[in-house]
Amino acid sequence: MLLPSQRCTLEQVALALELNPRTLQRRLASDGIDFEDYLDGMRRRQAQQMLRSTGLSVGQIASELGYRRTTSFCRAHLRWFDMTPLEHRRQHGDPQVAHL
């Protein structure tokens, strides 16, 4: 919910959950979860799903995932999958979806 608004920070998530940021951080840590790693994994999974099953442009996907710049999303995607978003879509995208 907070990703497209580019406000998906520990503080903003804690506010949405009506928790103190430190309380949220402690609860995540007790489960062995680092907030930034979790956020990165969530963006990775959503990027994969959107590239494979939607016709959204790379810029639209970047925006939906909370990136201010498409280039930042492309760098993250290259780190996650060792290929560009367009290569990912060509290799794994649903051929029935009309791509932009």
PDB file of N, CA and C in Angstrom:
ATOM      1  N   MET A   1       0.818  -1.182   0.000  1.00  0.00           N
ATOM      2  CA  MET A   1       0.000   0.000   0.000  1.00  0.00           C
ATOM      3  C   MET A   1       0.873   1.262   0.000  1.00  0.00           C
ATOM      4  N   LEU A   2       1.977   1.241   0.733  1.00  0.00           N
ATOM      5  CA  LEU A   2       2.836   2.416   0.830  1.00  0.00           C
ATOM      6  C   LEU A   2       3.871   2.505  -0.291  1.00  0.00           C
ATOM      7  N   LEU A   3       4.101   1.413  -1.006  1.00  0.00           N
ATOM      8  CA  LEU A   3       5.139   1.425  -2.039  1.00  0.00           C
ATOM      9  C   LEU A   3       4.915   2.492  -3.111  1.00  0.00           C
ATOM     10  N   PRO A   4       3.760   2.541  -3.762  1.00  0.00           N
ATOM     11  CA  PRO A   4       3.605   3.527  -4.832  1.00  0.00           C
ATOM     12  C   PRO A   4       3.745   4.979  -4.364  1.00  0.00           C
ATOM     13  N   SER A   5       3.504   5.233  -3.092  1.00  0.00           N
ATOM     14  CA  SER A   5       3.610   6.604  -2.585  1.00  0.00           C
ATOM     15  C   SER A   5       5.046   6.972  -2.242  1.00  0.00           C
ATOM     16  N   GLN A   6       5.966   6.019  -2.433  1.00  0.00           N
ATOM     17  CA  GLN A   6       7.385   6.202  -2.122  1.00  0.00           C
ATOM     18  C   GLN A   6       7.590   6.541  -0.650  1.00  0.00           C
ATOM     19  N   ARG A   7       6.701   6.011   0.197  1.00  0.00           N
ATOM     20  CA  ARG A   7       6.785   6.277   1.621  1.00  0.00           C
ATOM     21  C   ARG A   7       6.851   4.976   2.416  1.00  0.00           C
ATOM     22  N   CYS A   8       7.414   3.961   1.849  1.00  0.00           N
ATOM     23  CA  CYS A   8       7.483   2.676   2.535  1.00  0.00           C
ATOM     24  C   CYS A   8       8.770   2.598   3.348  1.00  0.00           C
ATOM     25  N   THR A   9       8.767   3.293   4.459  1.00  0.00           N
ATOM     26  CA  THR A   9       9.895   3.279   5.380  1.00  0.00           C
ATOM     27  C   THR A   9       9.455   2.572   6.645  1.00  0.00           C
ATOM     28  N   LEU A  10      10.393   2.207   7.454  1.00  0.00           N
ATOM     29  CA  LEU A  10      10.073   1.585   8.738  1.00  0.00           C
ATOM     30  C   LEU A  10       9.134   2.492   9.530  1.00  0.00           C
ATOM     31  N   GLU A  11       9.420   3.779   9.516  1.00  0.00           N
ATOM     32  CA  GLU A  11       8.604   4.733  10.272  1.00  0.00           C
ATOM     33  C   GLU A  11       7.174   4.795   9.730  1.00  0.00           C
ATOM     34  N   GLN A  12       7.022   4.814   8.417  1.00  0.00           N
ATOM     35  CA  GLN A  12       5.689   4.891   7.814  1.00  0.00           C
ATOM     36  C   GLN A  12       4.896   3.602   8.034  1.00  0.00           C
ATOM     37  N   VAL A  13       5.563   2.464   7.960  1.00  0.00           N
ATOM     38  CA  VAL A  13       4.893   1.186   8.211  1.00  0.00           C
ATOM     39  C   VAL A  13       4.467   1.119   9.676  1.00  0.00           C
ATOM     40  N   ALA A  14       5.335   1.532  10.576  1.00  0.00           N
ATOM     41  CA  ALA A  14       4.997   1.544  12.006  1.00  0.00           C
ATOM     42  C   ALA A  14       3.793   2.449  12.255  1.00  0.00           C
ATOM     43  N   LEU A  15       3.780   3.615  11.629  1.00  0.00           N
ATOM     44  CA  LEU A  15       2.660   4.539  11.780  1.00  0.00           C
ATOM     45  C   LEU A  15       1.364   3.888  11.294  1.00  0.00           C
ATOM     46  N   ALA A  16       1.413   3.218  10.142  1.00  0.00           N
ATOM     47  CA  ALA A  16       0.230   2.548   9.588  1.00  0.00           C
ATOM     48  C   ALA A  16      -0.260   1.431  10.508  1.00  0.00           C
ATOM     49  N   LEU A  17       0.672   0.799  11.212  1.00  0.00           N
ATOM     50  CA  LEU A  17       0.322  -0.292  12.137  1.00  0.00           C
ATOM     51  C   LEU A  17       0.053   0.203  13.554  1.00  0.00           C
ATOM     52  N   GLU A  18       0.145   1.526  13.724  1.00  0.00           N
ATOM     53  CA  GLU A  18      -0.039   2.155  15.033  1.00  0.00           C
ATOM     54  C   GLU A  18       0.938   1.604  16.064  1.00  0.00           C
ATOM     55  N   LEU A  19       2.199   1.504  15.645  1.00  0.00           N
ATOM     56  CA  LEU A  19       3.281   1.045  16.517  1.00  0.00           C
ATOM     57  C   LEU A  19       4.381   2.095  16.544  1.00  0.00           C
ATOM     58  N   ASN A  20       5.156   2.052  17.595  1.00  0.00           N
ATOM     59  CA  ASN A  20       6.373   2.851  17.643  1.00  0.00           C
ATOM     60  C   ASN A  20       7.364   2.195  16.684  1.00  0.00           C
ATOM     61  N   PRO A  21       8.123   2.979  15.905  1.00  0.00           N
ATOM     62  CA  PRO A  21       9.087   2.374  14.976  1.00  0.00           C
ATOM     63  C   PRO A  21      10.054   1.411  15.665  1.00  0.00           C
ATOM     64  N   ARG A  22      10.492   1.748  16.843  1.00  0.00           N
ATOM     65  CA  ARG A  22      11.418   0.863  17.571  1.00  0.00           C
ATOM     66  C   ARG A  22      10.742  -0.455  17.950  1.00  0.00           C
ATOM     67  N   THR A  23       9.469  -0.396  18.307  1.00  0.00           N
ATOM     68  CA  THR A  23       8.719  -1.612  18.640  1.00  0.00           C
ATOM     69  C   THR A  23       8.623  -2.518  17.420  1.00  0.00           C
ATOM     70  N   LEU A  24       8.299  -1.922  16.271  1.00  0.00           N
ATOM     71  CA  LEU A  24       8.224  -2.708  15.034  1.00  0.00           C
ATOM     72  C   LEU A  24       9.579  -3.323  14.721  1.00  0.00           C
ATOM     73  N   GLN A  25      10.627  -2.532  14.856  1.00  0.00           N
ATOM     74  CA  GLN A  25      11.976  -3.037  14.572  1.00  0.00           C
ATOM     75  C   GLN A  25      12.329  -4.208  15.497  1.00  0.00           C
ATOM     76  N   ARG A  26      11.996  -4.091  16.768  1.00  0.00           N
ATOM     77  CA  ARG A  26      12.270  -5.184  17.722  1.00  0.00           C
ATOM     78  C   ARG A  26      11.482  -6.429  17.369  1.00  0.00           C
ATOM     79  N   ARG A  27      10.213  -6.260  17.008  1.00  0.00           N
ATOM     80  CA  ARG A  27       9.379  -7.419  16.651  1.00  0.00           C
ATOM     81  C   ARG A  27       9.914  -8.123  15.408  1.00  0.00           C
ATOM     82  N   LEU A  28      10.309  -7.335  14.422  1.00  0.00           N
ATOM     83  CA  LEU A  28      10.894  -7.940  13.220  1.00  0.00           C
ATOM     84  C   LEU A  28      12.194  -8.652  13.556  1.00  0.00           C
ATOM     85  N   ALA A  29      13.032  -8.009  14.347  1.00  0.00           N
ATOM     86  CA  ALA A  29      14.320  -8.601  14.722  1.00  0.00           C
ATOM     87  C   ALA A  29      14.126  -9.898  15.491  1.00  0.00           C
ATOM     88  N   SER A  30      13.092  -9.957  16.316  1.00  0.00           N
ATOM     89  CA  SER A  30      12.861 -11.188  17.089  1.00  0.00           C
ATOM     90  C   SER A  30      12.501 -12.358  16.177  1.00  0.00           C
ATOM     91  N   ASP A  31      11.996 -12.048  14.980  1.00  0.00           N
ATOM     92  CA  ASP A  31      11.705 -13.077  13.976  1.00  0.00           C
ATOM     93  C   ASP A  31      12.834 -13.219  12.959  1.00  0.00           C
ATOM     94  N   GLY A  32      13.947 -12.523  13.219  1.00  0.00           N
ATOM     95  CA  GLY A  32      15.101 -12.607  12.318  1.00  0.00           C
ATOM     96  C   GLY A  32      14.907 -11.863  11.012  1.00  0.00           C
ATOM     97  N   ILE A  33      14.080 -10.828  11.022  1.00  0.00           N
ATOM     98  CA  ILE A  33      13.764 -10.086   9.798  1.00  0.00           C
ATOM     99  C   ILE A  33      14.383  -8.697   9.856  1.00  0.00           C
ATOM    100  N   ASP A  34      15.119  -8.353   8.811  1.00  0.00           N
ATOM    101  CA  ASP A  34      15.631  -7.003   8.636  1.00  0.00           C
ATOM    102  C   ASP A  34      14.655  -6.274   7.723  1.00  0.00           C
ATOM    103  N   PHE A  35      14.179  -5.117   8.141  1.00  0.00           N
ATOM    104  CA  PHE A  35      13.159  -4.395   7.381  1.00  0.00           C
ATOM    105  C   PHE A  35      13.588  -4.130   5.941  1.00  0.00           C
ATOM    106  N   GLU A  36      14.790  -3.624   5.748  1.00  0.00           N
ATOM    107  CA  GLU A  36      15.249  -3.289   4.393  1.00  0.00           C
ATOM    108  C   GLU A  36      15.362  -4.541   3.518  1.00  0.00           C
ATOM    109  N   ASP A  37      15.837  -5.645   4.081  1.00  0.00           N
ATOM    110  CA  ASP A  37      15.912  -6.894   3.317  1.00  0.00           C
ATOM    111  C   ASP A  37      14.517  -7.397   2.951  1.00  0.00           C
ATOM    112  N   TYR A  38      13.595  -7.272   3.902  1.00  0.00           N
ATOM    113  CA  TYR A  38      12.222  -7.700   3.652  1.00  0.00           C
ATOM    114  C   TYR A  38      11.585  -6.857   2.550  1.00  0.00           C
ATOM    115  N   LEU A  39      11.778  -5.542   2.627  1.00  0.00           N
ATOM    116  CA  LEU A  39      11.255  -4.636   1.608  1.00  0.00           C
ATOM    117  C   LEU A  39      11.847  -4.960   0.235  1.00  0.00           C
ATOM    118  N   ASP A  40      13.136  -5.219   0.188  1.00  0.00           N
ATOM    119  CA  ASP A  40      13.801  -5.570  -1.066  1.00  0.00           C
ATOM    120  C   ASP A  40      13.209  -6.856  -1.641  1.00  0.00           C
ATOM    121  N   GLY A  41      12.981  -7.845  -0.803  1.00  0.00           N
ATOM    122  CA  GLY A  41      12.397  -9.113  -1.255  1.00  0.00           C
ATOM    123  C   GLY A  41      10.973  -8.948  -1.760  1.00  0.00           C
ATOM    124  N   MET A  42      10.215  -8.094  -1.084  1.00  0.00           N
ATOM    125  CA  MET A  42       8.841  -7.837  -1.507  1.00  0.00           C
ATOM    126  C   MET A  42       8.834  -7.157  -2.872  1.00  0.00           C
ATOM    127  N   ARG A  43       9.705  -6.173  -3.051  1.00  0.00           N
ATOM    128  CA  ARG A  43       9.792  -5.503  -4.350  1.00  0.00           C
ATOM    129  C   ARG A  43      10.210  -6.495  -5.435  1.00  0.00           C
ATOM    130  N   ARG A  44      11.139  -7.372  -5.116  1.00  0.00           N
ATOM    131  CA  ARG A  44      11.611  -8.373  -6.084  1.00  0.00           C
ATOM    132  C   ARG A  44      10.458  -9.273  -6.533  1.00  0.00           C
ATOM    133  N   ARG A  45       9.708  -9.781  -5.573  1.00  0.00           N
ATOM    134  CA  ARG A  45       8.591 -10.676  -5.909  1.00  0.00           C
ATOM    135  C   ARG A  45       7.520  -9.954  -6.721  1.00  0.00           C
ATOM    136  N   GLN A  46       7.214  -8.722  -6.343  1.00  0.00           N
ATOM    137  CA  GLN A  46       6.195  -7.971  -7.079  1.00  0.00           C
ATOM    138  C   GLN A  46       6.673  -7.611  -8.484  1.00  0.00           C
ATOM    139  N   ALA A  47       7.950  -7.258  -8.607  1.00  0.00           N
ATOM    140  CA  ALA A  47       8.495  -6.957  -9.941  1.00  0.00           C
ATOM    141  C   ALA A  47       8.384  -8.179 -10.834  1.00  0.00           C
ATOM    142  N   GLN A  48       8.748  -9.323 -10.314  1.00  0.00           N
ATOM    143  CA  GLN A  48       8.683 -10.561 -11.088  1.00  0.00           C
ATOM    144  C   GLN A  48       7.252 -10.832 -11.542  1.00  0.00           C
ATOM    145  N   GLN A  49       6.314 -10.694 -10.635  1.00  0.00           N
ATOM    146  CA  GLN A  49       4.912 -10.954 -10.971  1.00  0.00           C
ATOM    147  C   GLN A  49       4.406  -9.958 -12.008  1.00  0.00           C
ATOM    148  N   MET A  50       4.712  -8.684 -11.831  1.00  0.00           N
ATOM    149  CA  MET A  50       4.215  -7.667 -12.763  1.00  0.00           C
ATOM    150  C   MET A  50       4.836  -7.804 -14.145  1.00  0.00           C
ATOM    151  N   LEU A  51       6.117  -8.122 -14.213  1.00  0.00           N
ATOM    152  CA  LEU A  51       6.763  -8.284 -15.519  1.00  0.00           C
ATOM    153  C   LEU A  51       6.240  -9.506 -16.252  1.00  0.00           C
ATOM    154  N   ARG A  52       5.878 -10.533 -15.510  1.00  0.00           N
ATOM    155  CA  ARG A  52       5.421 -11.769 -16.139  1.00  0.00           C
ATOM    156  C   ARG A  52       3.949 -11.763 -16.502  1.00  0.00           C
ATOM    157  N   SER A  53       3.143 -10.967 -15.790  1.00  0.00           N
ATOM    158  CA  SER A  53       1.703 -11.113 -16.009  1.00  0.00           C
ATOM    159  C   SER A  53       0.938  -9.819 -16.260  1.00  0.00           C
ATOM    160  N   THR A  54       1.626  -8.704 -16.429  1.00  0.00           N
ATOM    161  CA  THR A  54       0.912  -7.468 -16.754  1.00  0.00           C
ATOM    162  C   THR A  54       1.535  -6.813 -17.979  1.00  0.00           C
ATOM    163  N   GLY A  55       0.829  -5.876 -18.529  1.00  0.00           N
ATOM    164  CA  GLY A  55       1.337  -5.104 -19.651  1.00  0.00           C
ATOM    165  C   GLY A  55       1.870  -3.741 -19.218  1.00  0.00           C
ATOM    166  N   LEU A  56       2.067  -3.563 -17.911  1.00  0.00           N
ATOM    167  CA  LEU A  56       2.599  -2.290 -17.428  1.00  0.00           C
ATOM    168  C   LEU A  56       3.990  -2.046 -17.983  1.00  0.00           C
ATOM    169  N   SER A  57       4.281  -0.788 -18.264  1.00  0.00           N
ATOM    170  CA  SER A  57       5.625  -0.452 -18.737  1.00  0.00           C
ATOM    171  C   SER A  57       6.610  -0.579 -17.572  1.00  0.00           C
ATOM    172  N   VAL A  58       7.886  -0.625 -17.896  1.00  0.00           N
ATOM    173  CA  VAL A  58       8.925  -0.704 -16.867  1.00  0.00           C
ATOM    174  C   VAL A  58       8.839   0.523 -15.955  1.00  0.00           C
ATOM    175  N   GLY A  59       8.583   1.684 -16.522  1.00  0.00           N
ATOM    176  CA  GLY A  59       8.435   2.895 -15.726  1.00  0.00           C
ATOM    177  C   GLY A  59       7.255   2.826 -14.774  1.00  0.00           C
ATOM    178  N   GLN A  60       6.144   2.263 -15.244  1.00  0.00           N
ATOM    179  CA  GLN A  60       4.969   2.118 -14.386  1.00  0.00           C
ATOM    180  C   GLN A  60       5.244   1.134 -13.253  1.00  0.00           C
ATOM    181  N   ILE A  61       5.933   0.048 -13.557  1.00  0.00           N
ATOM    182  CA  ILE A  61       6.277  -0.933 -12.526  1.00  0.00           C
ATOM    183  C   ILE A  61       7.205  -0.302 -11.499  1.00  0.00           C
ATOM    184  N   ALA A  62       8.198   0.437 -11.974  1.00  0.00           N
ATOM    185  CA  ALA A  62       9.117   1.120 -11.059  1.00  0.00           C
ATOM    186  C   ALA A  62       8.346   2.025 -10.109  1.00  0.00           C
ATOM    187  N   SER A  63       7.400   2.769 -10.643  1.00  0.00           N
ATOM    188  CA  SER A  63       6.590   3.664  -9.823  1.00  0.00           C
ATOM    189  C   SER A  63       5.737   2.888  -8.821  1.00  0.00           C
ATOM    190  N   GLU A  64       5.120   1.806  -9.265  1.00  0.00           N
ATOM    191  CA  GLU A  64       4.296   0.979  -8.378  1.00  0.00           C
ATOM    192  C   GLU A  64       5.116   0.395  -7.223  1.00  0.00           C
ATOM    193  N   LEU A  65       6.392   0.151  -7.479  1.00  0.00           N
ATOM    194  CA  LEU A  65       7.265  -0.421  -6.452  1.00  0.00           C
ATOM    195  C   LEU A  65       7.918   0.641  -5.583  1.00  0.00           C
ATOM    196  N   GLY A  66       7.615   1.905  -5.851  1.00  0.00           N
ATOM    197  CA  GLY A  66       8.108   2.974  -5.001  1.00  0.00           C
ATOM    198  C   GLY A  66       9.434   3.571  -5.391  1.00  0.00           C
ATOM    199  N   TYR A  67       9.883   3.295  -6.604  1.00  0.00           N
ATOM    200  CA  TYR A  67      11.138   3.886  -7.066  1.00  0.00           C
ATOM    201  C   TYR A  67      10.859   5.256  -7.663  1.00  0.00           C
ATOM    202  N   ARG A  68      11.687   6.222  -7.330  1.00  0.00           N
ATOM    203  CA  ARG A  68      11.522   7.565  -7.878  1.00  0.00           C
ATOM    204  C   ARG A  68      12.006   7.621  -9.322  1.00  0.00           C
ATOM    205  N   ARG A  69      12.996   6.794  -9.639  1.00  0.00           N
ATOM    206  CA  ARG A  69      13.559   6.771 -10.998  1.00  0.00           C
ATOM    207  C   ARG A  69      13.526   5.350 -11.547  1.00  0.00           C
ATOM    208  N   THR A  70      13.204   5.251 -12.803  1.00  0.00           N
ATOM    209  CA  THR A  70      13.193   3.950 -13.470  1.00  0.00           C
ATOM    210  C   THR A  70      14.584   3.326 -13.449  1.00  0.00           C
ATOM    211  N   THR A  71      15.626   4.153 -13.560  1.00  0.00           N
ATOM    212  CA  THR A  71      16.994   3.621 -13.556  1.00  0.00           C
ATOM    213  C   THR A  71      17.318   2.934 -12.235  1.00  0.00           C
ATOM    214  N   SER A  72      16.783   3.440 -11.132  1.00  0.00           N
ATOM    215  CA  SER A  72      17.021   2.793  -9.831  1.00  0.00           C
ATOM    216  C   SER A  72      16.372   1.409  -9.802  1.00  0.00           C
ATOM    217  N   PHE A  73      15.163   1.310 -10.343  1.00  0.00           N
ATOM    218  CA  PHE A  73      14.501   0.014 -10.434  1.00  0.00           C
ATOM    219  C   PHE A  73      15.290  -0.930 -11.333  1.00  0.00           C
ATOM    220  N   CYS A  74      15.769  -0.427 -12.468  1.00  0.00           N
ATOM    221  CA  CYS A  74      16.521  -1.279 -13.401  1.00  0.00           C
ATOM    222  C   CYS A  74      17.797  -1.808 -12.756  1.00  0.00           C
ATOM    223  N   ARG A  75      18.484  -0.983 -11.973  1.00  0.00           N
ATOM    224  CA  ARG A  75      19.683  -1.455 -11.258  1.00  0.00           C
ATOM    225  C   ARG A  75      19.329  -2.533 -10.236  1.00  0.00           C
ATOM    226  N   ALA A  76      18.241  -2.312  -9.491  1.00  0.00           N
ATOM    227  CA  ALA A  76      17.810  -3.322  -8.521  1.00  0.00           C
ATOM    228  C   ALA A  76      17.441  -4.616  -9.240  1.00  0.00           C
ATOM    229  N   HIS A  77      16.711  -4.498 -10.335  1.00  0.00           N
ATOM    230  CA  HIS A  77      16.303  -5.685 -11.087  1.00  0.00           C
ATOM    231  C   HIS A  77      17.513  -6.454 -11.602  1.00  0.00           C
ATOM    232  N   LEU A  78      18.509  -5.753 -12.082  1.00  0.00           N
ATOM    233  CA  LEU A  78      19.738  -6.396 -12.562  1.00  0.00           C
ATOM    234  C   LEU A  78      20.424  -7.147 -11.412  1.00  0.00           C
ATOM    235  N   ARG A  79      20.421  -6.561 -10.228  1.00  0.00           N
ATOM    236  CA  ARG A  79      20.993  -7.211  -9.043  1.00  0.00           C
ATOM    237  C   ARG A  79      20.189  -8.463  -8.671  1.00  0.00           C
ATOM    238  N   TRP A  80      18.870  -8.374  -8.740  1.00  0.00           N
ATOM    239  CA  TRP A  80      18.022  -9.506  -8.368  1.00  0.00           C
ATOM    240  C   TRP A  80      18.085 -10.660  -9.353  1.00  0.00           C
ATOM    241  N   PHE A  81      18.026 -10.358 -10.627  1.00  0.00           N
ATOM    242  CA  PHE A  81      17.832 -11.398 -11.643  1.00  0.00           C
ATOM    243  C   PHE A  81      18.959 -11.526 -12.658  1.00  0.00           C
ATOM    244  N   ASP A  82      19.959 -10.661 -12.577  1.00  0.00           N
ATOM    245  CA  ASP A  82      21.079 -10.684 -13.512  1.00  0.00           C
ATOM    246  C   ASP A  82      20.622 -10.499 -14.963  1.00  0.00           C
ATOM    247  N   MET A  83      19.583  -9.686 -15.132  1.00  0.00           N
ATOM    248  CA  MET A  83      19.085  -9.325 -16.459  1.00  0.00           C
ATOM    249  C   MET A  83      18.235  -8.068 -16.309  1.00  0.00           C
ATOM    250  N   THR A  84      18.014  -7.376 -17.430  1.00  0.00           N
ATOM    251  CA  THR A  84      17.193  -6.169 -17.385  1.00  0.00           C
ATOM    252  C   THR A  84      15.712  -6.562 -17.275  1.00  0.00           C
ATOM    253  N   PRO A  85      14.868  -5.616 -16.863  1.00  0.00           N
ATOM    254  CA  PRO A  85      13.434  -5.921 -16.816  1.00  0.00           C
ATOM    255  C   PRO A  85      12.870  -6.344 -18.173  1.00  0.00           C
ATOM    256  N   LEU A  86      13.314  -5.711 -19.249  1.00  0.00           N
ATOM    257  CA  LEU A  86      12.799  -6.089 -20.569  1.00  0.00           C
ATOM    258  C   LEU A  86      13.242  -7.496 -20.969  1.00  0.00           C
ATOM    259  N   GLU A  87      14.487  -7.855 -20.641  1.00  0.00           N
ATOM    260  CA  GLU A  87      14.940  -9.233 -20.906  1.00  0.00           C
ATOM    261  C   GLU A  87      14.104 -10.217 -20.098  1.00  0.00           C
ATOM    262  N   HIS A  88      13.831  -9.872 -18.864  1.00  0.00           N
ATOM    263  CA  HIS A  88      13.013 -10.719 -17.993  1.00  0.00           C
ATOM    264  C   HIS A  88      11.636 -10.934 -18.625  1.00  0.00           C
ATOM    265  N   ARG A  89      11.042  -9.848 -19.072  1.00  0.00           N
ATOM    266  CA  ARG A  89       9.712  -9.939 -19.682  1.00  0.00           C
ATOM    267  C   ARG A  89       9.754 -10.788 -20.951  1.00  0.00           C
ATOM    268  N   ARG A  90      10.769 -10.599 -21.786  1.00  0.00           N
ATOM    269  CA  ARG A  90      10.881 -11.388 -23.024  1.00  0.00           C
ATOM    270  C   ARG A  90      11.042 -12.876 -22.720  1.00  0.00           C
ATOM    271  N   GLN A  91      11.820 -13.205 -21.702  1.00  0.00           N
ATOM    272  CA  GLN A  91      12.080 -14.605 -21.382  1.00  0.00           C
ATOM    273  C   GLN A  91      10.946 -15.286 -20.610  1.00  0.00           C
ATOM    274  N   HIS A  92      10.278 -14.525 -19.744  1.00  0.00           N
ATOM    275  CA  HIS A  92       9.327 -15.158 -18.823  1.00  0.00           C
ATOM    276  C   HIS A  92       7.918 -14.599 -18.879  1.00  0.00           C
ATOM    277  N   GLY A  93       7.682 -13.570 -19.662  1.00  0.00           N
ATOM    278  CA  GLY A  93       6.370 -12.931 -19.696  1.00  0.00           C
ATOM    279  C   GLY A  93       5.308 -13.793 -20.340  1.00  0.00           C
ATOM    280  N   ASP A  94       4.090 -13.538 -19.971  1.00  0.00           N
ATOM    281  CA  ASP A  94       2.945 -14.227 -20.541  1.00  0.00           C
ATOM    282  C   ASP A  94       2.721 -13.713 -21.961  1.00  0.00           C
ATOM    283  N   PRO A  95       2.828 -14.560 -22.961  1.00  0.00           N
ATOM    284  CA  PRO A  95       2.656 -14.102 -24.338  1.00  0.00           C
ATOM    285  C   PRO A  95       1.240 -13.612 -24.636  1.00  0.00           C
ATOM    286  N   GLN A  96       0.271 -13.956 -23.790  1.00  0.00           N
ATOM    287  CA  GLN A  96      -1.110 -13.512 -23.985  1.00  0.00           C
ATOM    288  C   GLN A  96      -1.342 -12.086 -23.540  1.00  0.00           C
ATOM    289  N   VAL A  97      -0.387 -11.534 -22.765  1.00  0.00           N
ATOM    290  CA  VAL A  97      -0.533 -10.158 -22.261  1.00  0.00           C
ATOM    291  C   VAL A  97       0.051  -9.205 -23.300  1.00  0.00           C
ATOM    292  N   ALA A  98      -0.703  -8.185 -23.630  1.00  0.00           N
ATOM    293  CA  ALA A  98      -0.215  -7.171 -24.582  1.00  0.00           C
ATOM    294  C   ALA A  98       0.735  -6.264 -23.847  1.00  0.00           C
ATOM    295  N   HIS A  99       2.015  -6.327 -24.200  1.00  0.00           N
ATOM    296  CA  HIS A  99       3.022  -5.521 -23.543  1.00  0.00           C
ATOM    297  C   HIS A  99       3.123  -4.156 -24.168  1.00  0.00           C
ATOM    298  N   LEU A 100       3.382  -3.169 -23.331  1.00  0.00           N
ATOM    299  CA  LEU A 100       3.553  -1.785 -23.799  1.00  0.00           C
ATOM    300  C   LEU A 100       4.957  -1.551 -24.246  1.00  0.00           C
TER     301      LEU A 100
END
